[in-house]
Amino acid sequence: MKKIEAIIRRTKFEDVKEALLNSNIDWFEYHDVHGIGQSRQERVYRGVQYSTDVIERVAITIVCREQFVDPTIKVIMDVAHTGKVGDGRIFLSDMIDCYSIRTGDHGDTVLADKK
């Protein structure tokens, strides 16, 4: 099992969400995040000066079986890509185990939909 964590532009979230749901990703978690990037500039918008060092993004977390890792990453990469600085990052890490609170089962079979 792998854990995929993607930090993407807020403006791309709806497109990525639809693409993930259309590619048979049944469940994922997301939340708004704020980060500080390397670019530190002052901008003026409608006469008000503001700093661009705080970046608002959406973090998406997906835990999936090995065979779904590459297709999931490809979907996120293809849909979230703009070619501009700030498109985001994808982090991939190993998951040791997974437990179902309801059944007590564990392992990657817990990720399969058992209705």
PDB file of N, CA and C in Angstrom:
ATOM      1  N   MET A   1       0.838  -1.179   0.000  1.00  0.00           N
ATOM      2  CA  MET A   1       0.000   0.000   0.000  1.00  0.00           C
ATOM      3  C   MET A   1       0.880   1.237   0.000  1.00  0.00           C
ATOM      4  N   LYS A   2       0.360   2.268  -0.631  1.00  0.00           N
ATOM      5  CA  LYS A   2       1.073   3.539  -0.705  1.00  0.00           C
ATOM      6  C   LYS A   2       0.141   4.670  -0.290  1.00  0.00           C
ATOM      7  N   LYS A   3       0.754   5.721   0.207  1.00  0.00           N
ATOM      8  CA  LYS A   3       0.022   6.938   0.538  1.00  0.00           C
ATOM      9  C   LYS A   3       0.491   8.017  -0.425  1.00  0.00           C
ATOM     10  N   ILE A   4      -0.450   8.606  -1.149  1.00  0.00           N
ATOM     11  CA  ILE A   4      -0.161   9.681  -2.083  1.00  0.00           C
ATOM     12  C   ILE A   4      -0.688  10.966  -1.480  1.00  0.00           C
ATOM     13  N   GLU A   5       0.196  11.943  -1.332  1.00  0.00           N
ATOM     14  CA  GLU A   5      -0.204  13.253  -0.843  1.00  0.00           C
ATOM     15  C   GLU A   5       0.137  14.276  -1.918  1.00  0.00           C
ATOM     16  N   ALA A   6      -0.868  14.983  -2.391  1.00  0.00           N
ATOM     17  CA  ALA A   6      -0.663  15.975  -3.447  1.00  0.00           C
ATOM     18  C   ALA A   6      -1.059  17.349  -2.922  1.00  0.00           C
ATOM     19  N   ILE A   7      -0.197  18.318  -3.158  1.00  0.00           N
ATOM     20  CA  ILE A   7      -0.494  19.714  -2.844  1.00  0.00           C
ATOM     21  C   ILE A   7      -0.690  20.400  -4.193  1.00  0.00           C
ATOM     22  N   ILE A   8      -1.892  20.897  -4.449  1.00  0.00           N
ATOM     23  CA  ILE A   8      -2.201  21.465  -5.759  1.00  0.00           C
ATOM     24  C   ILE A   8      -2.803  22.862  -5.620  1.00  0.00           C
ATOM     25  N   ARG A   9      -2.860  23.569  -6.743  1.00  0.00           N
ATOM     26  CA  ARG A   9      -3.511  24.874  -6.780  1.00  0.00           C
ATOM     27  C   ARG A   9      -4.987  24.728  -6.430  1.00  0.00           C
ATOM     28  N   ARG A  10      -5.501  25.673  -5.690  1.00  0.00           N
ATOM     29  CA  ARG A  10      -6.915  25.659  -5.333  1.00  0.00           C
ATOM     30  C   ARG A  10      -7.790  25.716  -6.590  1.00  0.00           C
ATOM     31  N   THR A  11      -7.330  26.450  -7.616  1.00  0.00           N
ATOM     32  CA  THR A  11      -8.117  26.595  -8.842  1.00  0.00           C
ATOM     33  C   THR A  11      -8.199  25.305  -9.647  1.00  0.00           C
ATOM     34  N   LYS A  12      -7.339  24.348  -9.372  1.00  0.00           N
ATOM     35  CA  LYS A  12      -7.341  23.074 -10.084  1.00  0.00           C
ATOM     36  C   LYS A  12      -8.053  21.964  -9.316  1.00  0.00           C
ATOM     37  N   PHE A  13      -8.483  22.237  -8.096  1.00  0.00           N
ATOM     38  CA  PHE A  13      -9.037  21.177  -7.257  1.00  0.00           C
ATOM     39  C   PHE A  13     -10.265  20.501  -7.867  1.00  0.00           C
ATOM     40  N   GLU A  14     -11.239  21.264  -8.338  1.00  0.00           N
ATOM     41  CA  GLU A  14     -12.463  20.659  -8.882  1.00  0.00           C
ATOM     42  C   GLU A  14     -12.152  19.755 -10.069  1.00  0.00           C
ATOM     43  N   ASP A  15     -11.240  20.189 -10.934  1.00  0.00           N
ATOM     44  CA  ASP A  15     -10.855  19.370 -12.085  1.00  0.00           C
ATOM     45  C   ASP A  15     -10.175  18.077 -11.647  1.00  0.00           C
ATOM     46  N   VAL A  16      -9.276  18.173 -10.670  1.00  0.00           N
ATOM     47  CA  VAL A  16      -8.583  16.989 -10.162  1.00  0.00           C
ATOM     48  C   VAL A  16      -9.572  16.057  -9.470  1.00  0.00           C
ATOM     49  N   LYS A  17     -10.474  16.618  -8.688  1.00  0.00           N
ATOM     50  CA  LYS A  17     -11.485  15.808  -7.990  1.00  0.00           C
ATOM     51  C   LYS A  17     -12.314  15.003  -8.991  1.00  0.00           C
ATOM     52  N   GLU A  18     -12.813  15.656 -10.037  1.00  0.00           N
ATOM     53  CA  GLU A  18     -13.612  14.965 -11.051  1.00  0.00           C
ATOM     54  C   GLU A  18     -12.794  13.884 -11.764  1.00  0.00           C
ATOM     55  N   ALA A  19     -11.547  14.198 -12.083  1.00  0.00           N
ATOM     56  CA  ALA A  19     -10.692  13.222 -12.772  1.00  0.00           C
ATOM     57  C   ALA A  19     -10.422  12.009 -11.887  1.00  0.00           C
ATOM     58  N   LEU A  20     -10.195  12.223 -10.602  1.00  0.00           N
ATOM     59  CA  LEU A  20      -9.965  11.094  -9.689  1.00  0.00           C
ATOM     60  C   LEU A  20     -11.216  10.233  -9.575  1.00  0.00           C
ATOM     61  N   LEU A  21     -12.376  10.855  -9.426  1.00  0.00           N
ATOM     62  CA  LEU A  21     -13.616  10.088  -9.316  1.00  0.00           C
ATOM     63  C   LEU A  21     -13.905   9.328 -10.608  1.00  0.00           C
ATOM     64  N   ASN A  22     -13.579   9.907 -11.756  1.00  0.00           N
ATOM     65  CA  ASN A  22     -13.785   9.234 -13.043  1.00  0.00           C
ATOM     66  C   ASN A  22     -12.776   8.124 -13.288  1.00  0.00           C
ATOM     67  N   SER A  23     -11.672   8.121 -12.542  1.00  0.00           N
ATOM     68  CA  SER A  23     -10.662   7.076 -12.717  1.00  0.00           C
ATOM     69  C   SER A  23     -10.765   6.008 -11.632  1.00  0.00           C
ATOM     70  N   ASN A  24     -11.932   5.893 -11.037  1.00  0.00           N
ATOM     71  CA  ASN A  24     -12.256   4.840 -10.065  1.00  0.00           C
ATOM     72  C   ASN A  24     -11.530   4.955  -8.734  1.00  0.00           C
ATOM     73  N   ILE A  25     -11.105   6.154  -8.367  1.00  0.00           N
ATOM     74  CA  ILE A  25     -10.618   6.369  -7.010  1.00  0.00           C
ATOM     75  C   ILE A  25     -11.864   6.602  -6.162  1.00  0.00           C
ATOM     76  N   ASP A  26     -12.161   5.668  -5.275  1.00  0.00           N
ATOM     77  CA  ASP A  26     -13.415   5.712  -4.536  1.00  0.00           C
ATOM     78  C   ASP A  26     -13.423   6.709  -3.391  1.00  0.00           C
ATOM     79  N   TRP A  27     -12.261   6.956  -2.826  1.00  0.00           N
ATOM     80  CA  TRP A  27     -12.224   7.790  -1.631  1.00  0.00           C
ATOM     81  C   TRP A  27     -10.897   8.512  -1.554  1.00  0.00           C
ATOM     82  N   PHE A  28     -10.971   9.770  -1.161  1.00  0.00           N
ATOM     83  CA  PHE A  28      -9.774  10.524  -0.834  1.00  0.00           C
ATOM     84  C   PHE A  28     -10.148  11.622   0.134  1.00  0.00           C
ATOM     85  N   GLU A  29      -9.146  12.127   0.780  1.00  0.00           N
ATOM     86  CA  GLU A  29      -9.330  13.180   1.771  1.00  0.00           C
ATOM     87  C   GLU A  29      -8.708  14.454   1.208  1.00  0.00           C
ATOM     88  N   TYR A  30      -9.311  15.584   1.499  1.00  0.00           N
ATOM     89  CA  TYR A  30      -8.714  16.845   1.070  1.00  0.00           C
ATOM     90  C   TYR A  30      -8.973  17.925   2.110  1.00  0.00           C
ATOM     91  N   HIS A  31      -8.096  18.898   2.136  1.00  0.00           N
ATOM     92  CA  HIS A  31      -8.285  20.034   3.028  1.00  0.00           C
ATOM     93  C   HIS A  31      -7.463  21.218   2.526  1.00  0.00           C
ATOM     94  N   ASP A  32      -7.896  22.394   2.921  1.00  0.00           N
ATOM     95  CA  ASP A  32      -7.173  23.612   2.556  1.00  0.00           C
ATOM     96  C   ASP A  32      -5.911  23.718   3.391  1.00  0.00           C
ATOM     97  N   VAL A  33      -4.837  24.105   2.744  1.00  0.00           N
ATOM     98  CA  VAL A  33      -3.560  24.276   3.439  1.00  0.00           C
ATOM     99  C   VAL A  33      -2.943  25.615   3.052  1.00  0.00           C
ATOM    100  N   HIS A  34      -2.073  26.091   3.890  1.00  0.00           N
ATOM    101  CA  HIS A  34      -1.316  27.306   3.634  1.00  0.00           C
ATOM    102  C   HIS A  34       0.154  26.966   3.787  1.00  0.00           C
ATOM    103  N   GLY A  35       0.966  27.455   2.898  1.00  0.00           N
ATOM    104  CA  GLY A  35       2.395  27.194   2.961  1.00  0.00           C
ATOM    105  C   GLY A  35       3.178  28.444   2.628  1.00  0.00           C
ATOM    106  N   ILE A  36       4.450  28.344   2.801  1.00  0.00           N
ATOM    107  CA  ILE A  36       5.341  29.444   2.465  1.00  0.00           C
ATOM    108  C   ILE A  36       6.346  28.922   1.457  1.00  0.00           C
ATOM    109  N   GLY A  37       6.355  29.529   0.275  1.00  0.00           N
ATOM    110  CA  GLY A  37       7.250  29.101  -0.791  1.00  0.00           C
ATOM    111  C   GLY A  37       8.528  29.908  -0.809  1.00  0.00           C
ATOM    112  N   GLN A  38       9.335  29.663  -1.817  1.00  0.00           N
ATOM    113  CA  GLN A  38      10.613  30.362  -1.938  1.00  0.00           C
ATOM    114  C   GLN A  38      10.446  31.759  -2.510  1.00  0.00           C
ATOM    115  N   SER A  39       9.368  31.988  -3.244  1.00  0.00           N
ATOM    116  CA  SER A  39       9.139  33.297  -3.848  1.00  0.00           C
ATOM    117  C   SER A  39       8.584  34.253  -2.800  1.00  0.00           C
ATOM    118  N   ARG A  40       9.265  35.370  -2.617  1.00  0.00           N
ATOM    119  CA  ARG A  40       8.812  36.371  -1.658  1.00  0.00           C
ATOM    120  C   ARG A  40       8.740  37.705  -2.385  1.00  0.00           C
ATOM    121  N   GLN A  41       7.537  38.082  -2.759  1.00  0.00           N
ATOM    122  CA  GLN A  41       7.347  39.320  -3.504  1.00  0.00           C
ATOM    123  C   GLN A  41       6.212  40.124  -2.888  1.00  0.00           C
ATOM    124  N   GLU A  42       6.281  41.408  -3.078  1.00  0.00           N
ATOM    125  CA  GLU A  42       5.190  42.280  -2.703  1.00  0.00           C
ATOM    126  C   GLU A  42       4.427  42.602  -3.985  1.00  0.00           C
ATOM    127  N   ARG A  43       3.121  42.486  -3.938  1.00  0.00           N
ATOM    128  CA  ARG A  43       2.292  42.809  -5.089  1.00  0.00           C
ATOM    129  C   ARG A  43       1.311  43.900  -4.691  1.00  0.00           C
ATOM    130  N   VAL A  44       0.858  44.650  -5.675  1.00  0.00           N
ATOM    131  CA  VAL A  44      -0.153  45.680  -5.441  1.00  0.00           C
ATOM    132  C   VAL A  44      -1.374  45.313  -6.255  1.00  0.00           C
ATOM    133  N   TYR A  45      -2.521  45.227  -5.574  1.00  0.00           N
ATOM    134  CA  TYR A  45      -3.779  44.915  -6.234  1.00  0.00           C
ATOM    135  C   TYR A  45      -4.808  45.933  -5.770  1.00  0.00           C
ATOM    136  N   ARG A  46      -5.329  46.702  -6.705  1.00  0.00           N
ATOM    137  CA  ARG A  46      -6.307  47.748  -6.416  1.00  0.00           C
ATOM    138  C   ARG A  46      -5.818  48.695  -5.332  1.00  0.00           C
ATOM    139  N   GLY A  47      -4.547  49.030  -5.438  1.00  0.00           N
ATOM    140  CA  GLY A  47      -3.971  50.003  -4.528  1.00  0.00           C
ATOM    141  C   GLY A  47      -3.563  49.459  -3.172  1.00  0.00           C
ATOM    142  N   VAL A  48      -3.769  48.164  -2.943  1.00  0.00           N
ATOM    143  CA  VAL A  48      -3.412  47.553  -1.661  1.00  0.00           C
ATOM    144  C   VAL A  48      -2.196  46.667  -1.872  1.00  0.00           C
ATOM    145  N   GLN A  49      -1.180  46.850  -1.051  1.00  0.00           N
ATOM    146  CA  GLN A  49       0.030  46.050  -1.155  1.00  0.00           C
ATOM    147  C   GLN A  49      -0.135  44.801  -0.300  1.00  0.00           C
ATOM    148  N   TYR A  50       0.214  43.646  -0.868  1.00  0.00           N
ATOM    149  CA  TYR A  50       0.162  42.397  -0.117  1.00  0.00           C
ATOM    150  C   TYR A  50       1.347  41.520  -0.489  1.00  0.00           C
ATOM    151  N   SER A  51       1.634  40.580   0.384  1.00  0.00           N
ATOM    152  CA  SER A  51       2.776  39.703   0.206  1.00  0.00           C
ATOM    153  C   SER A  51       2.325  38.397  -0.445  1.00  0.00           C
ATOM    154  N   THR A  52       3.171  37.829  -1.290  1.00  0.00           N
ATOM    155  CA  THR A  52       2.835  36.567  -1.950  1.00  0.00           C
ATOM    156  C   THR A  52       3.547  35.380  -1.313  1.00  0.00           C
ATOM    157  N   ASP A  53       4.130  35.558  -0.126  1.00  0.00           N
ATOM    158  CA  ASP A  53       4.879  34.449   0.453  1.00  0.00           C
ATOM    159  C   ASP A  53       3.977  33.376   1.068  1.00  0.00           C
ATOM    160  N   VAL A  54       2.739  33.700   1.412  1.00  0.00           N
ATOM    161  CA  VAL A  54       1.809  32.688   1.920  1.00  0.00           C
ATOM    162  C   VAL A  54       1.002  32.171   0.743  1.00  0.00           C
ATOM    163  N   ILE A  55       1.059  30.872   0.529  1.00  0.00           N
ATOM    164  CA  ILE A  55       0.441  30.242  -0.628  1.00  0.00           C
ATOM    165  C   ILE A  55      -0.742  29.400  -0.154  1.00  0.00           C
ATOM    166  N   GLU A  56      -1.903  29.626  -0.746  1.00  0.00           N
ATOM    167  CA  GLU A  56      -3.087  28.828  -0.424  1.00  0.00           C
ATOM    168  C   GLU A  56      -3.218  27.702  -1.435  1.00  0.00           C
ATOM    169  N   ARG A  57      -3.290  26.496  -0.937  1.00  0.00           N
ATOM    170  CA  ARG A  57      -3.383  25.311  -1.785  1.00  0.00           C
ATOM    171  C   ARG A  57      -4.379  24.323  -1.181  1.00  0.00           C
ATOM    172  N   VAL A  58      -4.628  23.237  -1.903  1.00  0.00           N
ATOM    173  CA  VAL A  58      -5.453  22.139  -1.416  1.00  0.00           C
ATOM    174  C   VAL A  58      -4.552  20.915  -1.317  1.00  0.00           C
ATOM    175  N   ALA A  59      -4.640  20.214  -0.195  1.00  0.00           N
ATOM    176  CA  ALA A  59      -3.892  18.966  -0.001  1.00  0.00           C
ATOM    177  C   ALA A  59      -4.860  17.801  -0.186  1.00  0.00           C
ATOM    178  N   ILE A  60      -4.459  16.845  -1.001  1.00  0.00           N
ATOM    179  CA  ILE A  60      -5.260  15.643  -1.258  1.00  0.00           C
ATOM    180  C   ILE A  60      -4.461  14.448  -0.755  1.00  0.00           C
ATOM    181  N   THR A  61      -5.110  13.580   0.011  1.00  0.00           N
ATOM    182  CA  THR A  61      -4.464  12.378   0.530  1.00  0.00           C
ATOM    183  C   THR A  61      -5.232  11.154   0.038  1.00  0.00           C
ATOM    184  N   ILE A  62      -4.505  10.212  -0.550  1.00  0.00           N
ATOM    185  CA  ILE A  62      -5.102   8.985  -1.077  1.00  0.00           C
ATOM    186  C   ILE A  62      -4.246   7.814  -0.600  1.00  0.00           C
ATOM    187  N   VAL A  63      -4.872   6.783  -0.065  1.00  0.00           N
ATOM    188  CA  VAL A  63      -4.170   5.537   0.253  1.00  0.00           C
ATOM    189  C   VAL A  63      -4.703   4.502  -0.722  1.00  0.00           C
ATOM    190  N   CYS A  64      -3.798   3.847  -1.453  1.00  0.00           N
ATOM    191  CA  CYS A  64      -4.253   2.901  -2.462  1.00  0.00           C
ATOM    192  C   CYS A  64      -3.307   1.707  -2.564  1.00  0.00           C
ATOM    193  N   ARG A  65      -3.785   0.692  -3.257  1.00  0.00           N
ATOM    194  CA  ARG A  65      -2.972  -0.487  -3.528  1.00  0.00           C
ATOM    195  C   ARG A  65      -1.916  -0.147  -4.563  1.00  0.00           C
ATOM    196  N   GLU A  66      -0.879  -0.960  -4.606  1.00  0.00           N
ATOM    197  CA  GLU A  66       0.264  -0.721  -5.490  1.00  0.00           C
ATOM    198  C   GLU A  66      -0.150  -0.521  -6.955  1.00  0.00           C
ATOM    199  N   GLN A  67      -1.092  -1.316  -7.450  1.00  0.00           N
ATOM    200  CA  GLN A  67      -1.443  -1.246  -8.870  1.00  0.00           C
ATOM    201  C   GLN A  67      -2.150   0.055  -9.252  1.00  0.00           C
ATOM    202  N   PHE A  68      -2.632   0.810  -8.274  1.00  0.00           N
ATOM    203  CA  PHE A  68      -3.327   2.059  -8.566  1.00  0.00           C
ATOM    204  C   PHE A  68      -2.446   3.292  -8.391  1.00  0.00           C
ATOM    205  N   VAL A  69      -1.218   3.107  -7.937  1.00  0.00           N
ATOM    206  CA  VAL A  69      -0.344   4.246  -7.647  1.00  0.00           C
ATOM    207  C   VAL A  69       0.002   5.033  -8.904  1.00  0.00           C
ATOM    208  N   ASP A  70       0.564   4.387  -9.907  1.00  0.00           N
ATOM    209  CA  ASP A  70       0.984   5.097 -11.116  1.00  0.00           C
ATOM    210  C   ASP A  70      -0.184   5.769 -11.845  1.00  0.00           C
ATOM    211  N   PRO A  71      -1.316   5.066 -12.046  1.00  0.00           N
ATOM    212  CA  PRO A  71      -2.434   5.741 -12.708  1.00  0.00           C
ATOM    213  C   PRO A  71      -2.968   6.940 -11.923  1.00  0.00           C
ATOM    214  N   THR A  72      -2.968   6.841 -10.606  1.00  0.00           N
ATOM    215  CA  THR A  72      -3.455   7.943  -9.772  1.00  0.00           C
ATOM    216  C   THR A  72      -2.532   9.146  -9.876  1.00  0.00           C
ATOM    217  N   ILE A  73      -1.242   8.907  -9.797  1.00  0.00           N
ATOM    218  CA  ILE A  73      -0.276  10.001  -9.919  1.00  0.00           C
ATOM    219  C   ILE A  73      -0.368  10.644 -11.306  1.00  0.00           C
ATOM    220  N   LYS A  74      -0.542   9.824 -12.339  1.00  0.00           N
ATOM    221  CA  LYS A  74      -0.654  10.355 -13.699  1.00  0.00           C
ATOM    222  C   LYS A  74      -1.876  11.264 -13.830  1.00  0.00           C
ATOM    223  N   VAL A  75      -2.995  10.862 -13.265  1.00  0.00           N
ATOM    224  CA  VAL A  75      -4.205  11.692 -13.321  1.00  0.00           C
ATOM    225  C   VAL A  75      -3.952  13.046 -12.670  1.00  0.00           C
ATOM    226  N   ILE A  76      -3.364  13.026 -11.488  1.00  0.00           N
ATOM    227  CA  ILE A  76      -3.102  14.285 -10.780  1.00  0.00           C
ATOM    228  C   ILE A  76      -2.125  15.144 -11.577  1.00  0.00           C
ATOM    229  N   MET A  77      -1.046  14.544 -12.064  1.00  0.00           N
ATOM    230  CA  MET A  77      -0.043  15.287 -12.837  1.00  0.00           C
ATOM    231  C   MET A  77      -0.663  15.919 -14.087  1.00  0.00           C
ATOM    232  N   ASP A  78      -1.454  15.143 -14.819  1.00  0.00           N
ATOM    233  CA  ASP A  78      -2.042  15.639 -16.064  1.00  0.00           C
ATOM    234  C   ASP A  78      -3.038  16.772 -15.827  1.00  0.00           C
ATOM    235  N   VAL A  79      -3.880  16.629 -14.829  1.00  0.00           N
ATOM    236  CA  VAL A  79      -4.961  17.593 -14.627  1.00  0.00           C
ATOM    237  C   VAL A  79      -4.502  18.831 -13.859  1.00  0.00           C
ATOM    238  N   ALA A  80      -3.592  18.681 -12.914  1.00  0.00           N
ATOM    239  CA  ALA A  80      -3.154  19.822 -12.098  1.00  0.00           C
ATOM    240  C   ALA A  80      -2.080  20.665 -12.778  1.00  0.00           C
ATOM    241  N   HIS A  81      -1.520  20.183 -13.855  1.00  0.00           N
ATOM    242  CA  HIS A  81      -0.406  20.862 -14.537  1.00  0.00           C
ATOM    243  C   HIS A  81      -0.850  22.132 -15.258  1.00  0.00           C
ATOM    244  N   THR A  82      -0.154  23.236 -14.992  1.00  0.00           N
ATOM    245  CA  THR A  82      -0.348  24.469 -15.769  1.00  0.00           C
ATOM    246  C   THR A  82       0.951  24.873 -16.441  1.00  0.00           C
ATOM    247  N   GLY A  83       2.075  24.348 -15.974  1.00  0.00           N
ATOM    248  CA  GLY A  83       3.373  24.715 -16.515  1.00  0.00           C
ATOM    249  C   GLY A  83       3.970  25.942 -15.864  1.00  0.00           C
ATOM    250  N   LYS A  84       3.292  26.474 -14.863  1.00  0.00           N
ATOM    251  CA  LYS A  84       3.772  27.668 -14.171  1.00  0.00           C
ATOM    252  C   LYS A  84       4.295  27.298 -12.787  1.00  0.00           C
ATOM    253  N   VAL A  85       5.136  28.175 -12.241  1.00  0.00           N
ATOM    254  CA  VAL A  85       5.635  27.982 -10.886  1.00  0.00           C
ATOM    255  C   VAL A  85       4.438  27.909  -9.941  1.00  0.00           C
ATOM    256  N   GLY A  86       4.472  26.933  -9.024  1.00  0.00           N
ATOM    257  CA  GLY A  86       3.398  26.807  -8.043  1.00  0.00           C
ATOM    258  C   GLY A  86       2.368  25.755  -8.382  1.00  0.00           C
ATOM    259  N   ASP A  87       2.644  24.907  -9.370  1.00  0.00           N
ATOM    260  CA  ASP A  87       1.699  23.839  -9.705  1.00  0.00           C
ATOM    261  C   ASP A  87       1.527  22.847  -8.560  1.00  0.00           C
ATOM    262  N   GLY A  88       2.526  22.687  -7.728  1.00  0.00           N
ATOM    263  CA  GLY A  88       2.379  21.819  -6.561  1.00  0.00           C
ATOM    264  C   GLY A  88       3.390  20.696  -6.518  1.00  0.00           C
ATOM    265  N   ARG A  89       3.152  19.775  -5.600  1.00  0.00           N
ATOM    266  CA  ARG A  89       4.031  18.623  -5.378  1.00  0.00           C
ATOM    267  C   ARG A  89       3.181  17.390  -5.086  1.00  0.00           C
ATOM    268  N   ILE A  90       3.772  16.226  -5.384  1.00  0.00           N
ATOM    269  CA  ILE A  90       3.164  14.947  -5.008  1.00  0.00           C
ATOM    270  C   ILE A  90       4.191  14.182  -4.196  1.00  0.00           C
ATOM    271  N   PHE A  91       3.761  13.688  -3.045  1.00  0.00           N
ATOM    272  CA  PHE A  91       4.626  12.909  -2.159  1.00  0.00           C
ATOM    273  C   PHE A  91       4.086  11.487  -2.090  1.00  0.00           C
ATOM    274  N   LEU A  92       4.978  10.507  -2.165  1.00  0.00           N
ATOM    275  CA  LEU A  92       4.600   9.106  -2.130  1.00  0.00           C
ATOM    276  C   LEU A  92       5.324   8.432  -0.976  1.00  0.00           C
ATOM    277  N   SER A  93       4.568   7.723  -0.140  1.00  0.00           N
ATOM    278  CA  SER A  93       5.196   7.029   0.988  1.00  0.00           C
ATOM    279  C   SER A  93       4.555   5.654   1.178  1.00  0.00           C
ATOM    280  N   ASP A  94       5.309   4.774   1.815  1.00  0.00           N
ATOM    281  CA  ASP A  94       4.822   3.426   2.112  1.00  0.00           C
ATOM    282  C   ASP A  94       3.875   3.457   3.299  1.00  0.00           C
ATOM    283  N   MET A  95       2.864   2.616   3.231  1.00  0.00           N
ATOM    284  CA  MET A  95       1.951   2.414   4.356  1.00  0.00           C
ATOM    285  C   MET A  95       2.250   1.036   4.931  1.00  0.00           C
ATOM    286  N   ILE A  96       2.420   0.952   6.206  1.00  0.00           N
ATOM    287  CA  ILE A  96       2.757  -0.318   6.840  1.00  0.00           C
ATOM    288  C   ILE A  96       1.549  -1.236   6.899  1.00  0.00           C
ATOM    289  N   ASP A  97       0.416  -0.705   7.302  1.00  0.00           N
ATOM    290  CA  ASP A  97      -0.781  -1.520   7.421  1.00  0.00           C
ATOM    291  C   ASP A  97      -2.003  -0.629   7.423  1.00  0.00           C
ATOM    292  N   CYS A  98      -3.156  -1.259   7.283  1.00  0.00           N
ATOM    293  CA  CYS A  98      -4.435  -0.558   7.276  1.00  0.00           C
ATOM    294  C   CYS A  98      -5.432  -1.424   8.046  1.00  0.00           C
ATOM    295  N   TYR A  99      -6.220  -0.817   8.904  1.00  0.00           N
ATOM    296  CA  TYR A  99      -7.187  -1.543   9.722  1.00  0.00           C
ATOM    297  C   TYR A  99      -8.586  -1.007   9.489  1.00  0.00           C
ATOM    298  N   SER A 100      -9.551  -1.908   9.438  1.00  0.00           N
ATOM    299  CA  SER A 100     -10.952  -1.511   9.396  1.00  0.00           C
ATOM    300  C   SER A 100     -11.470  -1.469  10.823  1.00  0.00           C
ATOM    301  N   ILE A 101     -11.932  -0.331  11.231  1.00  0.00           N
ATOM    302  CA  ILE A 101     -12.470  -0.201  12.588  1.00  0.00           C
ATOM    303  C   ILE A 101     -13.740  -1.036  12.733  1.00  0.00           C
ATOM    304  N   ARG A 102     -14.564  -1.065  11.699  1.00  0.00           N
ATOM    305  CA  ARG A 102     -15.836  -1.788  11.761  1.00  0.00           C
ATOM    306  C   ARG A 102     -15.637  -3.298  11.860  1.00  0.00           C
ATOM    307  N   THR A 103     -14.769  -3.871  11.004  1.00  0.00           N
ATOM    308  CA  THR A 103     -14.644  -5.333  10.937  1.00  0.00           C
ATOM    309  C   THR A 103     -13.447  -5.885  11.700  1.00  0.00           C
ATOM    310  N   GLY A 104     -12.447  -5.044  11.944  1.00  0.00           N
ATOM    311  CA  GLY A 104     -11.228  -5.524  12.575  1.00  0.00           C
ATOM    312  C   GLY A 104     -10.234  -6.116  11.593  1.00  0.00           C
ATOM    313  N   ASP A 105     -10.611  -6.208  10.316  1.00  0.00           N
ATOM    314  CA  ASP A 105      -9.695  -6.723   9.288  1.00  0.00           C
ATOM    315  C   ASP A 105      -8.525  -5.772   9.112  1.00  0.00           C
ATOM    316  N   HIS A 106      -7.421  -6.303   8.558  1.00  0.00           N
ATOM    317  CA  HIS A 106      -6.301  -5.430   8.235  1.00  0.00           C
ATOM    318  C   HIS A 106      -5.613  -5.913   6.970  1.00  0.00           C
ATOM    319  N   GLY A 107      -4.777  -5.050   6.414  1.00  0.00           N
ATOM    320  CA  GLY A 107      -4.089  -5.325   5.154  1.00  0.00           C
ATOM    321  C   GLY A 107      -4.730  -4.544   4.021  1.00  0.00           C
ATOM    322  N   ASP A 108      -4.160  -4.704   2.816  1.00  0.00           N
ATOM    323  CA  ASP A 108      -4.666  -3.901   1.697  1.00  0.00           C
ATOM    324  C   ASP A 108      -6.059  -4.299   1.243  1.00  0.00           C
ATOM    325  N   THR A 109      -6.544  -5.458   1.670  1.00  0.00           N
ATOM    326  CA  THR A 109      -7.922  -5.848   1.318  1.00  0.00           C
ATOM    327  C   THR A 109      -8.950  -4.931   1.984  1.00  0.00           C
ATOM    328  N   VAL A 110      -8.546  -4.257   3.047  1.00  0.00           N
ATOM    329  CA  VAL A 110      -9.446  -3.311   3.723  1.00  0.00           C
ATOM    330  C   VAL A 110      -9.794  -2.159   2.786  1.00  0.00           C
ATOM    331  N   LEU A 111      -8.898  -1.864   1.841  1.00  0.00           N
ATOM    332  CA  LEU A 111      -9.128  -0.761   0.909  1.00  0.00           C
ATOM    333  C   LEU A 111     -10.178  -1.101  -0.131  1.00  0.00           C
ATOM    334  N   ALA A 112     -10.449  -2.390  -0.347  1.00  0.00           N
ATOM    335  CA  ALA A 112     -11.467  -2.804  -1.314  1.00  0.00           C
ATOM    336  C   ALA A 112     -12.846  -2.511  -0.743  1.00  0.00           C
ATOM    337  N   ASP A 113     -13.742  -2.125  -1.614  1.00  0.00           N
ATOM    338  CA  ASP A 113     -15.100  -1.777  -1.198  1.00  0.00           C
ATOM    339  C   ASP A 113     -15.879  -3.054  -0.886  1.00  0.00           C
ATOM    340  N   LYS A 114     -16.229  -3.241   0.370  1.00  0.00           N
ATOM    341  CA  LYS A 114     -17.040  -4.410   0.787  1.00  0.00           C
ATOM    342  C   LYS A 114     -18.389  -3.883   1.242  1.00  0.00           C
ATOM    343  N   LYS A 115     -19.362  -4.032   0.399  1.00  0.00           N
ATOM    344  CA  LYS A 115     -20.686  -3.485   0.727  1.00  0.00           C
ATOM    345  C   LYS A 115     -21.529  -4.478   1.478  1.00  0.00           C
TER     346      LYS A 115
END
